[in-house]
Structure formats: C-alpha cells, structure tokens
C-alpha cells in the first residue's frame, strides 16, 4: 500500500480519539477548543525552536494560511459543541458529511467538473445521516451543530490542499501558521461567545490538562502534520471520504469508555452501516484506479 494511504489511515485513527477526549474533558466546547489550539501552538513552535527552523512563508501567503487555520479552529468548536449537545457517536457520525460537502464544493471552488461517482457515494452517506436525524429527535441539536462542523471541515481540507499545492511549503511551516490562524479567530470570538453564553466550569482540572496535552500533541499536531503531507498527493475528496471511518473508531472507543451502545437505536445502526458502505465503495474504487496507473515518484 502506498505510504501516503498508510499516513492517511493513521491520521484517521488519531482523529478517532478526538471525540472521546472531548467527552473526557469536563470543560465546555469553547474553552476546550481554545486550550487545544493554544497548547498545540506551544507544541509546534517549541518543536520549531528545538529544530532551529527559521523558515518563514512569503508575506503574500500568510493571509491564506491564517484563513485556512481559522476554518480549522471553527470546525473544532462546532465539533465539540455537537458532542456536548448529544454524544460522541452523533458528533463523529455527522463528520461523515464532509464527503458530501466536498463532492459538491470542491468542483465549484477549484472549477472542475463534478464527479458523478463522488456525488453518488456521498449521497449514501447523506442518506445515512438523514436516517439518524429523522428518527433520533433527542439528538437533533447535536446533529445540526455537527453538520456545520463537517461543512467547515470540508472547506478546511479543500483550501488546505489548495494552499499546499500553491506554496509547496513543508508541513510544519504550514501547521505553525494555520494554528496561529485558529488561535486568532478563537481569541477574537472570546467576548462574543462569553457575552452570549454563561458557562462553567472554565478552569480545567488536572485531569483535563493531561487530556488536553494528549489532544494537542498527538491528535492535533501529529494528526495535522500527517494530513498536510497526505494532501500533497491525495485528492481532498478521498481524504474527506476516508475520514468517514472516524466514526467507526470513535464509536468503538465511546462504547468502551462511556457505554454509548445503550443510546444506539436501530435507525442509528442502519445509518452508520450506510456510511461505512460509502467508505468501502470509495476505497475499492480508489484502489482500482491506482492499480491501473504507474506508481508515482515520491
């Protein structure tokens, strides 16, 4: 198997832990997201300092990197809001909509033809989420927040690939500035968020800080570095649809940690099966395409 597909699936496994960690951390979605980004910034800039990496992007590219990072920060905020409003399983299942959004938005943004295959595969995922939404009334708020989160995630992947292809910057350099963009937009949003919501607790416990460090180091810096590398060789649609496997890992972990199997209805299980089917079909289709092409030079 191509090394980039190995890295892609490793990043998906790391992503599978993010929902569980979000549930384990007791603070609300905004301070959780803000501290995740802050700690991740500290980690990546510390790595930069240790490696004495003084590489800087061109000034004309900085706004694009910050914009991509802002999309990432807002995606995380809505993702954790979805989990807090429902549960881990709902939050990660809604993330599967990124394939549908990418199939529609990527051709529009990059100005190329729509792929009938991608649209059909994405509609299977959409039907699965719609089935869950229609029957699990108690989770509708979480599903709506999750749908917004997946839209932002799709835009992030599309523009991240676009910026990476344009600049050809190494992954650590892109991530440094993207995390700064995420931190900037969340900092600006602080007075707005706390002006609307009265939340507590804000101060994390010792256990929260430990989980936040794991989340920032492995499931943020490590995951994003892998994803940036993969996007240099793999299409945004394939990356986004492969990330539909994240619910499988997250739900298994949620069952182990939180016994969420008790909250799974028959509609949820059927919808999840449809999502897994779309991933399996895309994986098989992509594999056949790659088998018919010469091995790329890396």
Protein backbone atom coordinates (compact mmCIF):
# COMPACT_ATOMS: atom_id res chain seq x y z
CA UNK A 1 0.00 0.00 0.00
CA UNK A 2 1.21 3.49 -0.85
CA UNK A 3 2.87 5.25 2.12
CA UNK A 4 0.52 8.20 1.79
CA UNK A 5 -2.52 5.98 2.27
CA UNK A 6 -0.87 4.48 5.37
CA UNK A 7 -0.35 8.00 6.74
CA UNK A 8 -3.94 8.88 5.83
CA UNK A 9 -5.39 5.97 7.80
CA UNK A 10 -3.03 6.62 10.72
CA UNK A 11 -4.35 10.19 10.86
CA UNK A 12 -7.92 8.83 10.83
CA UNK A 13 -7.13 6.60 13.81
CA UNK A 14 -5.76 9.62 15.69
CA UNK A 15 -8.88 11.56 14.72
CA UNK A 16 -10.96 8.77 16.22
CA UNK A 17 -9.63 9.67 19.65
CA UNK A 18 -10.56 13.37 19.44
CA UNK A 19 -14.25 12.84 20.15
CA UNK A 20 -13.58 10.60 23.13
CA UNK A 21 -11.07 13.07 24.55
CA UNK A 22 -13.61 15.86 24.04
CA UNK A 23 -16.08 13.92 26.17
CA UNK A 24 -13.47 13.10 28.82
CA UNK A 25 -12.52 16.78 29.22
CA UNK A 26 -15.10 18.35 31.53
CA UNK A 27 -14.95 21.98 30.35
CA UNK A 28 -17.32 23.38 27.71
CA UNK A 29 -16.64 23.41 23.97
CA UNK A 30 -15.21 26.92 23.69
CA UNK A 31 -12.54 26.79 26.42
CA UNK A 32 -11.81 23.21 25.33
CA UNK A 33 -11.19 24.27 21.72
CA UNK A 34 -9.26 27.38 22.72
CA UNK A 35 -6.94 25.46 25.05
CA UNK A 36 -6.48 22.69 22.46
CA UNK A 37 -5.32 25.24 19.90
CA UNK A 38 -3.20 27.16 22.41
CA UNK A 39 -1.40 24.03 23.60
CA UNK A 40 -0.94 22.83 20.01
CA UNK A 41 0.61 26.20 19.10
CA UNK A 42 3.01 25.89 22.01
CA UNK A 43 3.96 22.34 20.97
CA UNK A 44 4.58 23.14 17.28
CA UNK A 45 6.51 26.35 18.00
CA UNK A 46 8.58 24.52 20.64
CA UNK A 47 9.45 21.90 18.03
CA UNK A 48 10.38 24.74 15.67
CA UNK A 49 12.65 26.29 18.30
CA UNK A 50 14.38 22.98 19.07
CA UNK A 51 14.99 22.33 15.37
CA UNK A 52 16.16 25.94 14.87
CA UNK A 53 13.79 26.21 11.93
CA UNK A 54 13.77 29.84 10.81
CA UNK A 55 11.83 29.26 7.61
CA UNK A 56 9.14 31.88 7.01
CA UNK A 57 6.33 31.91 4.44
CA UNK A 58 6.08 34.68 1.88
CA UNK A 59 4.12 37.64 3.19
CA UNK A 60 1.59 37.23 0.39
CA UNK A 61 0.86 33.65 1.55
CA UNK A 62 0.32 34.44 5.25
CA UNK A 63 -3.36 35.55 4.90
CA UNK A 64 -4.21 32.29 3.11
CA UNK A 65 -2.54 30.19 5.82
CA UNK A 66 -4.31 32.13 8.58
CA UNK A 67 -7.66 31.77 6.78
CA UNK A 68 -7.23 28.00 6.49
CA UNK A 69 -6.37 27.88 10.18
CA UNK A 70 -9.46 29.91 11.07
CA UNK A 71 -11.61 27.34 9.28
CA UNK A 72 -9.92 24.59 11.29
CA UNK A 73 -10.48 26.38 14.60
CA UNK A 74 -14.18 26.95 13.90
CA UNK A 75 -14.60 23.35 12.77
CA UNK A 76 -13.22 22.11 16.09
CA UNK A 77 -15.50 24.49 18.02
CA UNK A 78 -18.68 23.21 16.33
CA UNK A 79 -17.44 19.61 16.52
CA UNK A 80 -17.11 19.74 20.30
CA UNK A 81 -20.36 21.69 20.60
CA UNK A 82 -22.05 18.81 18.76
CA UNK A 83 -20.56 16.25 21.15
CA UNK A 84 -21.51 18.27 24.24
CA UNK A 85 -25.08 18.71 22.92
CA UNK A 86 -25.51 14.99 22.15
CA UNK A 87 -22.77 12.37 22.47
CA UNK A 88 -19.56 11.19 20.82
CA UNK A 89 -21.32 8.89 18.37
CA UNK A 90 -23.58 11.63 16.97
CA UNK A 91 -20.73 14.13 16.72
CA UNK A 92 -18.48 11.81 14.74
CA UNK A 93 -21.25 10.41 12.53
CA UNK A 94 -22.12 13.94 11.42
CA UNK A 95 -18.47 14.41 10.49
CA UNK A 96 -19.11 11.89 7.73
CA UNK A 97 -20.92 14.62 5.80
CA UNK A 98 -17.55 16.07 4.75
CA UNK A 99 -17.55 13.69 1.78
CA UNK A 100 -20.89 15.06 0.56
CA UNK A 101 -19.82 18.68 1.05
CA UNK A 102 -16.51 18.02 -0.73
CA UNK A 103 -18.18 16.35 -3.70
CA UNK A 104 -20.28 19.50 -4.18
CA UNK A 105 -17.90 22.27 -3.09
CA UNK A 106 -14.52 21.11 -4.43
CA UNK A 107 -15.58 21.28 -8.12
CA UNK A 108 -17.14 24.71 -7.52
CA UNK A 109 -14.11 26.14 -5.69
CA UNK A 110 -11.46 24.58 -7.93
CA UNK A 111 -13.53 24.98 -11.10
CA UNK A 112 -13.52 21.47 -12.46
CA UNK A 113 -16.23 19.03 -13.49
CA UNK A 114 -18.41 17.27 -10.95
CA UNK A 115 -17.75 13.58 -10.45
CA UNK A 116 -20.93 11.51 -10.71
CA UNK A 117 -19.25 8.71 -8.75
CA UNK A 118 -18.28 11.02 -5.90
CA UNK A 119 -21.77 12.51 -5.74
CA UNK A 120 -23.43 9.08 -5.66
CA UNK A 121 -21.10 7.79 -2.94
CA UNK A 122 -21.65 10.94 -0.92
CA UNK A 123 -25.43 10.62 -1.24
CA UNK A 124 -25.21 7.24 0.50
CA UNK A 125 -23.52 8.97 3.43
CA UNK A 126 -26.08 11.79 3.36
CA UNK A 127 -28.92 9.28 3.41
CA UNK A 128 -27.36 7.55 6.43
CA UNK A 129 -27.10 10.79 8.41
CA UNK A 130 -30.61 11.82 7.33
CA UNK A 131 -31.95 8.50 8.60
CA UNK A 132 -30.40 9.10 12.01
CA UNK A 133 -31.63 12.71 12.05
CA UNK A 134 -35.19 11.68 11.18
CA UNK A 135 -35.59 9.13 13.95
CA UNK A 136 -33.33 10.32 16.79
CA UNK A 137 -35.23 13.50 17.73
CA UNK A 138 -33.34 13.95 21.01
CA UNK A 139 -30.06 14.49 19.15
CA UNK A 140 -31.22 17.00 16.52
CA UNK A 141 -29.35 19.97 18.05
CA UNK A 142 -26.16 17.94 18.11
CA UNK A 143 -26.74 16.82 14.51
CA UNK A 144 -27.24 20.40 13.28
CA UNK A 145 -24.05 21.54 15.03
CA UNK A 146 -22.26 18.51 13.62
CA UNK A 147 -23.44 19.32 10.10
CA UNK A 148 -21.98 22.84 10.41
CA UNK A 149 -18.76 21.34 11.77
CA UNK A 150 -18.44 18.98 8.79
CA UNK A 151 -19.05 21.85 6.35
CA UNK A 152 -16.18 23.79 7.91
CA UNK A 153 -14.01 20.65 7.88
CA UNK A 154 -14.68 20.17 4.18
CA UNK A 155 -13.77 23.78 3.39
CA UNK A 156 -10.63 23.43 5.51
CA UNK A 157 -9.45 20.35 3.60
CA UNK A 158 -10.20 21.86 0.19
CA UNK A 159 -8.40 25.14 0.90
CA UNK A 160 -5.59 23.41 2.80
CA UNK A 161 -4.84 21.30 -0.26
CA UNK A 162 -5.11 24.36 -2.49
CA UNK A 163 -2.64 26.36 -0.38
CA UNK A 164 -0.30 23.39 -0.08
CA UNK A 165 -0.26 22.81 -3.84
CA UNK A 166 0.33 26.52 -4.47
CA UNK A 167 3.10 27.13 -1.93
CA UNK A 168 4.76 23.69 -1.60
CA UNK A 169 5.73 24.61 1.96
CA UNK A 170 6.81 21.81 4.34
CA UNK A 171 4.11 20.52 6.67
CA UNK A 172 5.47 22.00 9.94
CA UNK A 173 5.65 25.50 8.42
CA UNK A 174 2.06 25.34 7.19
CA UNK A 175 0.81 23.99 10.51
CA UNK A 176 2.53 26.71 12.54
CA UNK A 177 0.72 29.46 10.72
CA UNK A 178 -2.58 27.60 10.42
CA UNK A 179 -2.69 27.09 14.19
CA UNK A 180 -1.98 30.79 14.62
CA UNK A 181 -4.98 31.47 12.40
CA UNK A 182 -7.14 29.16 14.53
CA UNK A 183 -5.90 30.82 17.73
CA UNK A 184 -6.57 34.29 16.30
CA UNK A 185 -10.17 33.62 15.31
CA UNK A 186 -10.94 31.96 18.66
CA UNK A 187 -9.34 34.86 20.57
CA UNK A 188 -11.46 37.35 18.64
CA UNK A 189 -14.55 35.25 19.40
CA UNK A 190 -13.99 35.18 23.19
CA UNK A 191 -16.06 38.30 24.07
CA UNK A 192 -18.80 37.26 21.63
CA UNK A 193 -19.09 33.73 22.97
CA UNK A 194 -18.99 34.57 26.67
CA UNK A 195 -21.32 37.51 26.04
CA UNK A 196 -23.95 35.09 24.75
CA UNK A 197 -23.41 32.07 26.99
CA UNK A 198 -22.93 31.80 30.72
CA UNK A 199 -20.86 28.67 31.15
CA UNK A 200 -18.96 26.91 33.90
CA UNK A 201 -16.52 25.45 34.67
CA UNK A 202 -13.91 27.31 32.62
CA UNK A 203 -10.81 26.42 34.64
CA UNK A 204 -9.70 22.88 33.71
CA UNK A 205 -8.86 20.26 36.32
CA UNK A 206 -5.51 18.47 36.45
CA UNK A 207 -7.07 15.54 34.58
CA UNK A 208 -8.43 17.93 31.94
CA UNK A 209 -4.96 19.43 31.45
CA UNK A 210 -3.43 15.99 30.96
CA UNK A 211 -6.05 15.03 28.37
CA UNK A 212 -5.64 18.42 26.68
CA UNK A 213 -1.91 17.82 26.32
CA UNK A 214 -2.58 14.44 24.68
CA UNK A 215 -5.20 16.06 22.45
CA UNK A 216 -2.88 18.91 21.44
CA UNK A 217 0.26 16.84 20.90
CA UNK A 218 -0.91 13.66 19.18
CA UNK A 219 -4.44 14.36 17.95
CA UNK A 220 -3.72 17.89 16.75
CA UNK A 221 -0.07 18.46 15.84
CA UNK A 222 0.63 14.84 14.87
CA UNK A 223 -2.68 14.42 13.04
CA UNK A 224 -2.45 17.70 11.10
CA UNK A 225 1.16 17.09 10.05
CA UNK A 226 0.11 13.73 8.60
CA UNK A 227 -2.91 15.24 6.86
CA UNK A 228 -0.91 18.07 5.26
CA UNK A 229 1.60 15.54 3.92
CA UNK A 230 -1.20 13.34 2.54
CA UNK A 231 -2.98 16.24 0.83
CA UNK A 232 0.09 16.87 -1.29
CA UNK A 233 -0.53 13.54 -3.05
CA UNK A 234 -4.18 12.62 -2.47
CA UNK A 235 -7.36 14.46 -3.50
CA UNK A 236 -9.36 16.37 -0.90
CA UNK A 237 -12.43 14.24 -1.67
CA UNK A 238 -10.57 10.96 -1.00
CA UNK A 239 -9.14 12.36 2.25
CA UNK A 240 -12.54 13.60 3.41
CA UNK A 241 -14.38 10.40 2.49
CA UNK A 242 -11.71 8.22 4.13
CA UNK A 243 -12.25 10.29 7.28
CA UNK A 244 -15.76 8.83 7.31
CA UNK A 245 -14.08 5.86 9.02
CA UNK A 246 -13.50 8.11 12.02
CA UNK A 247 -16.98 7.32 13.44
CA UNK A 248 -16.15 3.61 13.49
CA UNK A 249 -13.07 4.14 15.66
CA UNK A 250 -14.73 6.80 17.81
CA UNK A 251 -17.91 4.81 18.38
CA UNK A 252 -15.95 1.71 19.41
CA UNK A 253 -14.00 3.83 21.88
CA UNK A 254 -17.20 5.54 23.09
CA UNK A 255 -18.76 2.13 23.75
CA UNK A 256 -15.71 1.12 25.77
CA UNK A 257 -15.40 4.36 27.76
CA UNK A 258 -18.99 5.62 28.03
CA UNK A 259 -21.24 2.62 27.21
CA UNK A 260 -22.88 4.59 24.39
CA UNK A 261 -24.20 1.38 22.86
CA UNK A 262 -27.22 1.84 25.15
CA UNK A 263 -28.12 5.03 23.21
CA UNK A 264 -27.87 3.45 19.74
CA UNK A 265 -31.23 2.88 18.07
CA UNK A 266 -31.87 0.65 15.07
CA UNK A 267 -32.03 3.79 12.88
CA UNK A 268 -28.59 4.82 14.12
CA UNK A 269 -27.11 1.42 13.31
CA UNK A 270 -28.66 1.32 9.82
CA UNK A 271 -27.46 4.88 9.11
CA UNK A 272 -23.96 4.03 10.32
CA UNK A 273 -23.92 0.93 8.08
CA UNK A 274 -24.75 3.10 5.07
CA UNK A 275 -21.85 5.44 5.92
CA UNK A 276 -19.42 2.52 6.23
CA UNK A 277 -20.69 1.20 2.89
CA UNK A 278 -19.87 4.50 1.15
CA UNK A 279 -16.33 4.40 2.55
CA UNK A 280 -15.82 0.79 1.46
CA UNK A 281 -17.00 1.55 -2.07
CA UNK A 282 -14.76 4.62 -2.35
CA UNK A 283 -11.75 2.72 -1.01
CA UNK A 284 -12.31 -0.09 -3.53
CA UNK A 285 -12.81 2.38 -6.38
CA UNK A 286 -9.68 4.36 -5.49
CA UNK A 287 -7.62 1.17 -5.17
CA UNK A 288 -8.68 0.01 -8.64
CA UNK A 289 -7.79 3.39 -10.13
CA UNK A 290 -4.34 3.37 -8.54
CA UNK A 291 -3.70 -0.19 -9.74
CA UNK A 292 -4.29 0.93 -13.32
CA UNK A 293 -1.82 3.84 -13.02
CA UNK A 294 2.01 3.76 -12.89
CA UNK A 295 3.49 4.09 -9.40
CA UNK A 296 4.10 7.81 -8.65
CA UNK A 297 7.57 9.05 -7.90
CA UNK A 298 7.96 10.23 -4.32
